[in-house]
Amino acid sequence: MADYHTVEKRIKLWTPLWKSKSLPRCKELLWRACNDVLPVRAALAHRGIVEDAICPLCGEECETVNHAFFACTEVAPIWFSSPLSLDFRNVPPSFSLKQWLSQVLKEGDEWFIDSVLTLLWAIWERRNRWCFDQQWYPYDFVLRRAASMATVSLLAMDNEATRTDQLRDGRRDRWRAPQPGTIKINVDAAVPAGSVMGYGYIARNSLGQVLATAASKWPMATSVALAEAMALRWALQLSLELGFFNVEVELDSKLVIDSWRNHQQQASYLALVISDSVFISQSFYRFSIAHVLRASNMAADFLAKFALSSYCFVGIEEYPVGLETVLSSYLVSS
């Protein structure tokens, strides 16, 4: 029978896991792995179910949980090439999945936790595809698979954050003009199921007049949050090139805004992209950045989707057909 301290430790580990916003299948996999009920070859050999405990992927070492998820030479490069950029090429024998997971759940933000859990699930899925179907998938398949699952979770997080902000401030459901002398920049990313994503950009003055619009298409990022962060970096660079030095920037990803505030405490590719944007922002004379509701960012959203279905462009005081309807519907004078 477990003593009080053992039960308390379990509660401290599992409660944050079950409360996380990752998909249930990812959380269940981690629970099974940490409780030694995952059918890795070492566990099956110990129970006499199989004779060979060698890893089916690398064929070199005993397949334990740590090996299957981290130390395998066919798995470690996935972690290093992912947006997390974690190096597991030399996992020490003392490495504990439970302790590491506990640290991730305690110190990681929502994006980091979700990225870890979805990548673990995708790694296990790849292993099973090879074991049971003899289908071999490259590293980028695992990254795309994890990104597709993370997209579902992150969209849920963004929607929940949007609803919370709407309750706090009912006035933020429409675009509002900036103060005279300031240019308001709205930016968004469109992340469909596919190999490319779109960026949308619009700059307006205190009268609501359109000074510039842009739409651009880029290779797909590995998460929605990363796509939004890369769109922000692109928008800041474009603003400087267009000569806009007093700006207010708005976007509808609360995750990116939260990462902007805490990027120095994070170790991820997302944090690196945010750090680039923070550095670029220092070139403006006056700069501010804020999260707004999706309804306030419809013009940028239109342009991001336009990039996917049409052509890329940068327009000075001009914009594609169809955007005028969006502008007239959402403009509210300050």
Protein backbone atom coordinates (compact mmCIF):
# COMPACT_ATOMS: atom_id res chain seq x y z
CA MET A 1 0.00 0.00 0.00
CA ALA A 2 1.38 3.41 -0.97
CA ASP A 3 2.22 5.79 1.84
CA TYR A 4 1.01 9.39 2.09
CA HIS A 5 4.12 10.92 0.52
CA THR A 6 3.97 8.55 -2.48
CA VAL A 7 0.33 9.42 -3.11
CA GLU A 8 1.10 13.14 -2.77
CA LYS A 9 3.89 12.89 -5.36
CA ARG A 10 1.54 11.13 -7.77
CA ILE A 11 -1.09 13.83 -7.34
CA LYS A 12 1.49 16.56 -8.01
CA LEU A 13 2.48 14.82 -11.26
CA TRP A 14 -0.85 13.67 -12.68
CA THR A 15 -3.08 16.60 -11.78
CA PRO A 16 -1.21 19.08 -14.05
CA LEU A 17 -1.07 16.45 -16.81
CA TRP A 18 -4.82 15.82 -16.84
CA LYS A 19 -5.51 19.58 -16.58
CA SER A 20 -3.31 20.35 -19.59
CA LYS A 21 -5.06 21.24 -22.85
CA SER A 22 -3.34 18.55 -24.90
CA LEU A 23 -5.36 15.86 -26.63
CA PRO A 24 -6.53 12.98 -24.35
CA ARG A 25 -4.63 10.38 -26.39
CA CYS A 26 -1.35 12.21 -25.67
CA LYS A 27 -2.01 12.39 -21.94
CA GLU A 28 -3.02 8.74 -21.78
CA LEU A 29 0.20 7.69 -23.55
CA LEU A 30 2.31 9.57 -20.99
CA TRP A 31 0.38 8.02 -18.12
CA ARG A 32 1.02 4.55 -19.53
CA ALA A 33 4.70 5.27 -20.11
CA CYS A 34 5.27 6.61 -16.60
CA ASN A 35 3.44 3.65 -15.05
CA ASP A 36 5.50 1.05 -16.96
CA VAL A 37 2.53 -0.35 -18.86
CA LEU A 38 3.71 0.69 -22.32
CA PRO A 39 4.56 -2.37 -24.47
CA VAL A 40 8.17 -1.56 -25.24
CA ARG A 41 10.35 -4.57 -26.13
CA ALA A 42 12.17 -4.60 -22.77
CA ALA A 43 8.89 -4.85 -20.85
CA LEU A 44 7.53 -7.54 -23.18
CA ALA A 45 10.75 -9.58 -22.88
CA HIS A 46 10.65 -9.28 -19.10
CA ARG A 47 7.15 -10.78 -19.13
CA GLY A 48 8.19 -13.57 -21.48
CA ILE A 49 5.97 -12.32 -24.33
CA VAL A 50 8.87 -11.79 -26.75
CA GLU A 51 12.45 -13.07 -26.74
CA ASP A 52 14.15 -10.12 -28.40
CA ALA A 53 14.30 -6.83 -26.44
CA ILE A 54 16.28 -4.97 -29.11
CA CYS A 55 14.79 -1.72 -30.43
CA PRO A 56 12.91 -2.34 -33.71
CA LEU A 57 13.96 1.05 -35.09
CA CYS A 58 17.72 1.26 -34.56
CA GLY A 59 18.39 -2.46 -33.95
CA GLU A 60 21.21 -1.58 -31.62
CA GLU A 61 20.04 -1.25 -28.01
CA CYS A 62 17.41 -2.57 -25.62
CA GLU A 63 14.10 -0.79 -26.17
CA THR A 64 13.17 0.77 -22.83
CA VAL A 65 10.74 3.68 -22.46
CA ASN A 66 13.65 6.14 -22.30
CA HIS A 67 15.22 4.62 -25.39
CA ALA A 68 11.98 4.53 -27.39
CA PHE A 69 11.13 8.17 -26.72
CA PHE A 70 14.51 9.86 -26.41
CA ALA A 71 17.82 7.97 -26.73
CA CYS A 72 17.23 5.95 -29.89
CA THR A 73 19.39 7.16 -32.78
CA GLU A 74 16.23 7.19 -34.90
CA VAL A 75 14.39 9.40 -32.39
CA ALA A 76 16.87 11.87 -30.86
CA PRO A 77 17.27 13.82 -34.16
CA ILE A 78 13.50 14.41 -34.21
CA TRP A 79 13.66 16.28 -30.91
CA PHE A 80 16.64 18.33 -32.03
CA SER A 81 15.05 19.31 -35.37
CA SER A 82 11.68 20.13 -33.80
CA PRO A 83 10.69 23.68 -32.69
CA LEU A 84 11.62 22.54 -29.16
CA SER A 85 15.28 22.03 -30.20
CA LEU A 86 15.93 19.59 -27.34
CA ASP A 87 19.12 17.51 -27.39
CA PHE A 88 18.62 13.91 -26.25
CA ARG A 89 21.57 12.42 -28.11
CA ASN A 90 23.34 11.47 -24.88
CA VAL A 91 20.64 10.55 -22.39
CA PRO A 92 22.27 9.45 -19.09
CA PRO A 93 21.18 6.16 -17.46
CA SER A 94 19.83 8.16 -14.51
CA PHE A 95 17.32 10.00 -16.75
CA SER A 96 13.78 9.73 -15.36
CA LEU A 97 10.77 10.31 -17.59
CA LYS A 98 8.60 11.04 -14.55
CA GLN A 99 10.98 13.67 -13.18
CA TRP A 100 11.44 15.27 -16.59
CA LEU A 101 7.69 15.31 -17.24
CA SER A 102 7.09 16.80 -13.80
CA GLN A 103 9.55 19.61 -14.62
CA VAL A 104 7.92 20.22 -18.02
CA LEU A 105 4.45 20.47 -16.47
CA LYS A 106 5.72 22.75 -13.71
CA GLU A 107 7.88 25.16 -15.71
CA GLY A 108 6.61 24.96 -19.30
CA ASP A 109 3.98 27.22 -20.82
CA GLU A 110 0.92 25.82 -22.63
CA TRP A 111 2.66 25.78 -26.00
CA PHE A 112 5.73 23.96 -24.67
CA ILE A 113 3.69 21.33 -22.78
CA ASP A 114 1.44 20.67 -25.75
CA SER A 115 4.43 20.44 -28.11
CA VAL A 116 6.16 17.89 -25.86
CA LEU A 117 3.08 15.70 -25.45
CA THR A 118 2.09 15.70 -29.13
CA LEU A 119 5.66 14.98 -30.26
CA LEU A 120 5.89 12.03 -27.85
CA TRP A 121 2.66 10.65 -29.28
CA ALA A 122 3.85 11.10 -32.88
CA ILE A 123 7.14 9.35 -32.06
CA TRP A 124 5.26 6.38 -30.59
CA GLU A 125 2.91 6.28 -33.57
CA ARG A 126 5.87 6.18 -35.98
CA ARG A 127 7.39 3.30 -34.02
CA ASN A 128 4.12 1.34 -34.18
CA ARG A 129 3.66 1.97 -37.89
CA TRP A 130 7.02 0.28 -38.46
CA CYS A 131 6.44 -2.58 -36.01
CA PHE A 132 2.96 -3.53 -37.18
CA ASP A 133 2.63 -2.26 -40.77
CA GLN A 134 6.27 -2.20 -41.92
CA GLN A 135 5.77 1.42 -42.98
CA TRP A 136 8.83 3.61 -42.48
CA TYR A 137 8.25 7.33 -42.02
CA PRO A 138 10.95 10.05 -42.11
CA TYR A 139 11.54 12.64 -39.39
CA ASP A 140 9.49 15.33 -41.09
CA PHE A 141 6.43 13.06 -41.01
CA VAL A 142 6.68 12.94 -37.21
CA LEU A 143 7.02 16.73 -36.98
CA ARG A 144 4.05 17.31 -39.29
CA ARG A 145 1.98 14.74 -37.41
CA ALA A 146 2.75 16.37 -34.06
CA ALA A 147 2.02 19.80 -35.52
CA SER A 148 -1.39 18.67 -36.79
CA MET A 149 -2.37 17.49 -33.30
CA ALA A 150 -0.89 20.57 -31.64
CA THR A 151 -2.93 22.73 -34.01
CA VAL A 152 -6.17 21.31 -32.59
CA SER A 153 -5.07 21.95 -29.01
CA LEU A 154 -3.68 25.42 -29.69
CA LEU A 155 -6.79 26.54 -31.53
CA ALA A 156 -8.81 25.49 -28.49
CA MET A 157 -6.46 27.52 -26.25
CA ASP A 158 -6.76 30.59 -28.49
CA ASN A 159 -10.56 30.32 -28.61
CA GLU A 160 -10.74 30.02 -24.82
CA ALA A 161 -8.44 33.03 -24.40
CA THR A 162 -10.56 35.00 -26.86
CA ARG A 163 -13.74 34.26 -24.94
CA THR A 164 -12.06 35.32 -21.69
CA ASP A 165 -10.88 38.61 -23.20
CA GLN A 166 -14.33 39.27 -24.58
CA LEU A 167 -15.84 38.96 -21.12
CA ARG A 168 -13.23 41.33 -19.71
CA ASP A 169 -13.61 44.00 -22.36
CA GLY A 170 -16.68 43.98 -24.57
CA ARG A 171 -15.41 47.01 -26.51
CA ARG A 172 -12.57 45.06 -28.17
CA ASP A 173 -14.79 43.20 -30.64
CA ARG A 174 -14.21 45.83 -33.36
CA TRP A 175 -11.13 47.44 -34.88
CA ARG A 176 -10.35 50.83 -33.31
CA ALA A 177 -8.31 53.59 -34.94
CA PRO A 178 -4.98 54.63 -33.35
CA GLN A 179 -4.09 58.05 -32.02
CA PRO A 180 -3.01 60.71 -34.56
CA GLY A 181 0.60 60.26 -35.60
CA THR A 182 0.53 56.51 -34.97
CA ILE A 183 0.12 53.71 -37.51
CA LYS A 184 -1.84 50.64 -36.47
CA ILE A 185 -0.52 47.37 -37.88
CA ASN A 186 -2.72 44.27 -37.90
CA VAL A 187 -1.13 40.94 -38.74
CA ASP A 188 -2.40 37.37 -38.96
CA ALA A 189 -1.42 33.92 -40.21
CA ALA A 190 -3.66 31.46 -42.04
CA VAL A 191 -2.69 27.85 -41.24
CA PRO A 192 -4.65 25.37 -43.35
CA ALA A 193 -4.05 21.63 -43.69
CA GLY A 194 -1.29 21.53 -46.28
CA SER A 195 2.29 22.48 -47.01
CA VAL A 196 2.02 26.30 -47.02
CA MET A 197 0.67 29.04 -44.77
CA GLY A 198 -0.35 32.62 -45.49
CA TYR A 199 0.55 35.92 -43.82
CA GLY A 200 -1.68 38.98 -43.90
CA TYR A 201 -0.70 42.60 -43.13
CA ILE A 202 -2.57 45.91 -43.09
CA ALA A 203 -1.43 49.36 -41.92
CA ARG A 204 -3.97 52.13 -41.17
CA ASN A 205 -3.79 55.64 -39.77
CA SER A 206 -5.95 57.46 -37.21
CA LEU A 207 -8.62 58.13 -39.86
CA GLY A 208 -8.86 54.44 -40.71
CA GLN A 209 -7.28 55.04 -44.10
CA VAL A 210 -5.34 52.12 -45.55
CA LEU A 211 -1.67 53.01 -45.96
CA ALA A 212 -0.39 49.58 -46.97
CA THR A 213 -1.48 45.97 -47.31
CA ALA A 214 0.48 42.80 -47.95
CA ALA A 215 -0.07 39.08 -48.40
CA SER A 216 2.67 36.47 -48.41
CA LYS A 217 2.91 32.69 -48.66
CA TRP A 218 5.49 30.61 -46.75
CA PRO A 219 6.31 26.93 -46.05
CA MET A 220 4.15 25.46 -43.30
CA ALA A 221 5.30 25.99 -39.70
CA THR A 222 5.13 23.17 -37.17
CA SER A 223 2.48 24.86 -34.99
CA VAL A 224 -0.15 27.59 -35.14
CA ALA A 225 1.68 29.64 -32.51
CA LEU A 226 4.93 29.45 -34.48
CA ALA A 227 3.13 30.51 -37.66
CA GLU A 228 1.66 33.55 -35.87
CA ALA A 229 5.08 34.44 -34.42
CA MET A 230 6.76 34.20 -37.83
CA ALA A 231 4.03 36.36 -39.34
CA LEU A 232 4.65 38.96 -36.63
CA ARG A 233 8.38 39.00 -37.37
CA TRP A 234 7.66 39.41 -41.09
CA ALA A 235 5.22 42.26 -40.36
CA LEU A 236 7.70 44.19 -38.21
CA GLN A 237 10.40 43.93 -40.87
CA LEU A 238 7.94 45.05 -43.54
CA SER A 239 6.80 48.02 -41.44
CA LEU A 240 10.37 49.30 -41.16
CA GLU A 241 10.91 48.87 -44.90
CA LEU A 242 7.74 50.90 -45.54
CA GLY A 243 8.94 53.70 -43.23
CA PHE A 244 6.40 53.23 -40.41
CA PHE A 245 8.26 54.09 -37.21
CA ASN A 246 5.44 54.95 -34.77
CA VAL A 247 3.31 51.82 -34.63
CA GLU A 248 0.74 49.91 -32.63
CA VAL A 249 0.75 46.22 -33.54
CA GLU A 250 -2.27 43.98 -33.02
CA LEU A 251 -2.69 40.23 -33.49
CA ASP A 252 -5.25 37.70 -32.31
CA SER A 253 -2.89 35.05 -30.88
CA LYS A 254 -2.75 35.33 -27.11
CA LEU A 255 -0.10 32.60 -27.04
CA VAL A 256 2.28 34.81 -29.03
CA ILE A 257 1.62 37.80 -26.78
CA ASP A 258 2.26 35.65 -23.69
CA SER A 259 5.48 34.34 -25.26
CA TRP A 260 6.51 37.93 -26.04
CA ARG A 261 6.33 38.71 -22.34
CA ASN A 262 8.16 35.55 -21.24
CA HIS A 263 10.48 34.73 -24.16
CA GLN A 264 13.65 35.06 -22.06
CA GLN A 265 12.40 32.30 -19.74
CA GLN A 266 11.70 29.84 -22.57
CA ALA A 267 13.98 27.52 -24.52
CA SER A 268 12.24 26.83 -27.83
CA TYR A 269 12.26 27.82 -31.48
CA LEU A 270 9.12 29.87 -30.82
CA ALA A 271 11.03 31.86 -28.19
CA LEU A 272 13.86 32.46 -30.68
CA VAL A 273 11.44 33.85 -33.26
CA ILE A 274 9.84 36.07 -30.61
CA SER A 275 13.30 37.24 -29.53
CA ASP A 276 13.99 38.27 -33.15
CA SER A 277 10.78 40.32 -33.14
CA VAL A 278 11.63 41.96 -29.81
CA PHE A 279 15.02 42.94 -31.23
CA ILE A 280 13.42 44.33 -34.42
CA SER A 281 10.89 46.32 -32.36
CA GLN A 282 13.75 48.32 -30.83
CA SER A 283 14.26 50.00 -34.24
CA PHE A 284 10.91 51.80 -34.03
CA TYR A 285 10.62 55.27 -32.51
CA ARG A 286 7.42 54.31 -30.70
CA PHE A 287 6.12 50.78 -30.43
CA SER A 288 3.38 48.82 -28.66
CA ILE A 289 1.89 45.38 -29.15
CA ALA A 290 -1.45 43.97 -28.00
CA HIS A 291 -3.73 40.97 -28.28
CA VAL A 292 -7.17 41.62 -29.79
CA LEU A 293 -10.19 39.50 -30.56
CA ARG A 294 -10.36 37.78 -33.93
CA ALA A 295 -13.23 40.10 -34.89
CA SER A 296 -10.83 43.05 -34.55
CA ASN A 297 -8.33 41.38 -36.87
CA MET A 298 -10.57 40.39 -39.77
CA ALA A 299 -8.77 42.51 -42.35
CA ALA A 300 -5.42 40.82 -41.66
CA ASP A 301 -7.17 37.45 -41.59
CA PHE A 302 -8.71 38.17 -45.02
CA LEU A 303 -5.27 38.99 -46.47
CA ALA A 304 -3.63 35.90 -44.95
CA LYS A 305 -6.25 33.68 -46.57
CA PHE A 306 -5.99 35.70 -49.79
CA ALA A 307 -2.30 34.73 -49.98
CA LEU A 308 -3.25 31.05 -49.96
CA SER A 309 -5.86 31.28 -52.70
CA SER A 310 -4.42 33.97 -54.94
CA TYR A 311 -1.11 35.84 -55.26
CA CYS A 312 1.40 37.53 -52.95
CA PHE A 313 1.85 41.29 -53.02
CA VAL A 314 2.74 44.48 -51.16
CA GLY A 315 0.36 47.35 -51.95
CA ILE A 316 0.74 51.03 -51.07
CA GLU A 317 -2.69 52.58 -50.38
CA GLU A 318 -4.34 49.76 -52.30
CA TYR A 319 -5.83 46.39 -51.53
CA PRO A 320 -7.47 43.43 -53.28
CA VAL A 321 -11.15 43.29 -54.20
CA GLY A 322 -13.24 42.05 -51.30
CA LEU A 323 -11.27 43.67 -48.50
CA GLU A 324 -13.33 46.88 -48.69
CA THR A 325 -16.39 44.98 -47.43
CA VAL A 326 -14.42 43.78 -44.41
CA LEU A 327 -13.07 47.27 -43.69
CA SER A 328 -16.48 48.93 -43.82
CA SER A 329 -17.99 46.25 -41.56
CA TYR A 330 -15.41 46.44 -38.77
CA LEU A 331 -14.27 50.06 -38.61
CA VAL A 332 -15.21 51.88 -35.40
CA SER A 333 -13.81 55.35 -34.79
CA SER A 334 -11.82 55.86 -31.63
